[in-house]
C-alpha atoms as a PDB file:
ATOM      1  CA  MET A   1      11.247   1.701   6.564  1.00  0.00           C
ATOM      2  CA  LEU A   2       8.583   3.300   4.423  1.00  0.00           C
ATOM      3  CA  GLN A   3      10.654   3.102   1.178  1.00  0.00           C
ATOM      4  CA  VAL A   4      11.010  -0.614   2.047  1.00  0.00           C
ATOM      5  CA  LEU A   5       7.384  -1.316   2.065  1.00  0.00           C
ATOM      6  CA  VAL A   6       6.961   0.424  -1.052  1.00  0.00           C
ATOM      7  CA  GLN A   7       9.674  -1.264  -2.894  1.00  0.00           C
ATOM      8  CA  SER A   8       8.271  -4.645  -1.714  1.00  0.00           C
ATOM      9  CA  ALA A   9       4.874  -3.570  -2.991  1.00  0.00           C
ATOM     10  CA  LEU A  10       6.516  -2.922  -6.353  1.00  0.00           C
ATOM     11  CA  GLU A  11       8.388  -5.822  -6.526  1.00  0.00           C
ATOM     12  CA  ASN A  12       5.656  -8.207  -5.709  1.00  0.00           C
ATOM     13  CA  LYS A  13       2.834  -6.166  -7.447  1.00  0.00           C
ATOM     14  CA  CYS A  14       0.725  -6.463  -4.301  1.00  0.00           C
ATOM     15  CA  LEU A  15       0.378  -4.065  -1.264  1.00  0.00           C
ATOM     16  CA  SER A  16      -0.011  -6.294   1.618  1.00  0.00           C
ATOM     17  CA  VAL A  17      -2.907  -5.630   4.197  1.00  0.00           C
ATOM     18  CA  GLU A  18       0.254  -5.552   6.893  1.00  0.00           C
ATOM     19  CA  SER A  19       2.324  -3.509   4.749  1.00  0.00           C
ATOM     20  CA  GLU A  20      -0.576  -0.943   4.394  1.00  0.00           C
ATOM     21  CA  GLY A  21      -1.323  -1.057   8.065  1.00  0.00           C
ATOM     22  CA  LEU A  22       2.455   0.111   8.748  1.00  0.00           C
ATOM     23  CA  ILE A  23       2.663   2.887   6.144  1.00  0.00           C
ATOM     24  CA  ARG A  24      -0.874   4.039   7.829  1.00  0.00           C
ATOM     25  CA  GLN A  25       0.889   4.147  11.256  1.00  0.00           C
ATOM     26  CA  MET A  26       4.256   5.940   9.972  1.00  0.00           C
ATOM     27  CA  LEU A  27       2.058   8.542   8.629  1.00  0.00           C
ATOM     28  CA  ALA A  28       0.046   8.899  11.552  1.00  0.00           C
ATOM     29  CA  ILE A  29       3.147   9.640  13.812  1.00  0.00           C
ATOM     30  CA  GLY A  30       4.649  11.707  11.207  1.00  0.00           C
ATOM     31  CA  SER A  31       7.755   9.450  10.709  1.00  0.00           C
ATOM     32  CA  CYS A  32       8.390  10.402   7.171  1.00  0.00           C
ATOM     33  CA  ASP A  33      11.275  12.198   5.337  1.00  0.00           C
ATOM     34  CA  PRO A  34      10.934  13.582   1.822  1.00  0.00           C
ATOM     35  CA  LYS A  35      12.452  10.327   0.247  1.00  0.00           C
ATOM     36  CA  ASP A  36       9.448   8.572   1.857  1.00  0.00           C
ATOM     37  CA  ILE A  37       7.000  10.825   0.462  1.00  0.00           C
ATOM     38  CA  ASN A  38       8.509  10.299  -2.959  1.00  0.00           C
ATOM     39  CA  ALA A  39       8.034   6.746  -2.596  1.00  0.00           C
ATOM     40  CA  LEU A  40       4.658   7.051  -1.434  1.00  0.00           C
ATOM     41  CA  LYS A  41       3.763   9.001  -4.464  1.00  0.00           C
ATOM     42  CA  GLN A  42       5.251   6.343  -6.504  1.00  0.00           C
ATOM     43  CA  LEU A  43       3.035   3.530  -4.870  1.00  0.00           C
ATOM     44  CA  GLN A  44      -0.090   5.770  -5.202  1.00  0.00           C
ATOM     45  CA  GLU A  45       0.724   6.317  -9.023  1.00  0.00           C
ATOM     46  CA  ALA A  46       1.453   2.397  -9.437  1.00  0.00           C
ATOM     47  CA  ILE A  47      -1.822   1.566  -7.681  1.00  0.00           C
ATOM     48  CA  GLN A  48      -3.853   4.164  -9.775  1.00  0.00           C
ATOM     49  CA  ALA A  49      -2.593   2.785 -12.973  1.00  0.00           C
ATOM     50  CA  GLY A  50      -3.274  -0.801 -11.863  1.00  0.00           C
ATOM     51  CA  GLU A  51       0.341  -2.008 -11.700  1.00  0.00           C
ATOM     52  CA  ILE A  52      -0.170  -2.971  -7.863  1.00  0.00           C
ATOM     53  CA  ILE A  53      -3.005  -4.572  -6.136  1.00  0.00           C
ATOM     54  CA  ARG A  54      -4.149  -3.807  -2.880  1.00  0.00           C
ATOM     55  CA  GLU A  55      -4.707  -6.957  -0.916  1.00  0.00           C
ATOM     56  CA  ALA A  56      -7.001  -4.996   1.618  1.00  0.00           C
ATOM     57  CA  GLN A  57      -9.462  -3.858  -1.200  1.00  0.00           C
ATOM     58  CA  ASN A  58      -9.329  -7.556  -2.283  1.00  0.00           C
ATOM     59  CA  ARG A  59     -10.188  -8.979   0.983  1.00  0.00           C
ATOM     60  CA  PHE A  60     -13.132  -6.579   1.078  1.00  0.00           C
ATOM     61  CA  SER A  61     -14.482  -7.225  -2.119  1.00  0.00           C
ATOM     62  CA  LEU A  62     -14.367 -10.973  -1.506  1.00  0.00           C
ATOM     63  CA  ALA A  63     -16.181 -10.487   1.743  1.00  0.00           C
ATOM     64  CA  GLN A  64     -18.785  -8.234   0.075  1.00  0.00           C
ATOM     65  CA  PHE A  65     -19.222 -10.952  -2.650  1.00  0.00           C
ATOM     66  CA  ALA A  66     -19.880 -13.603  -0.027  1.00  0.00           C
ATOM     67  CA  LEU A  67     -22.727 -11.710   1.421  1.00  0.00           C
ATOM     68  CA  VAL A  68     -24.809 -11.454  -1.557  1.00  0.00           C
END
């Protein structure tokens, strides 16, 4: 499942809040195999390179902007 979430983020160029939450839950319960870890590395690299936008980060930024 984790690989599917990562593939979706790569295709859409966006990591949704929901997908990020599911990834966190899967990591918390240790539900990962080596292919999942490789997919997470790929996701992390894409986020760091600016190829994927984190929806959660944008929501926080918009909320912060609204308070100013």
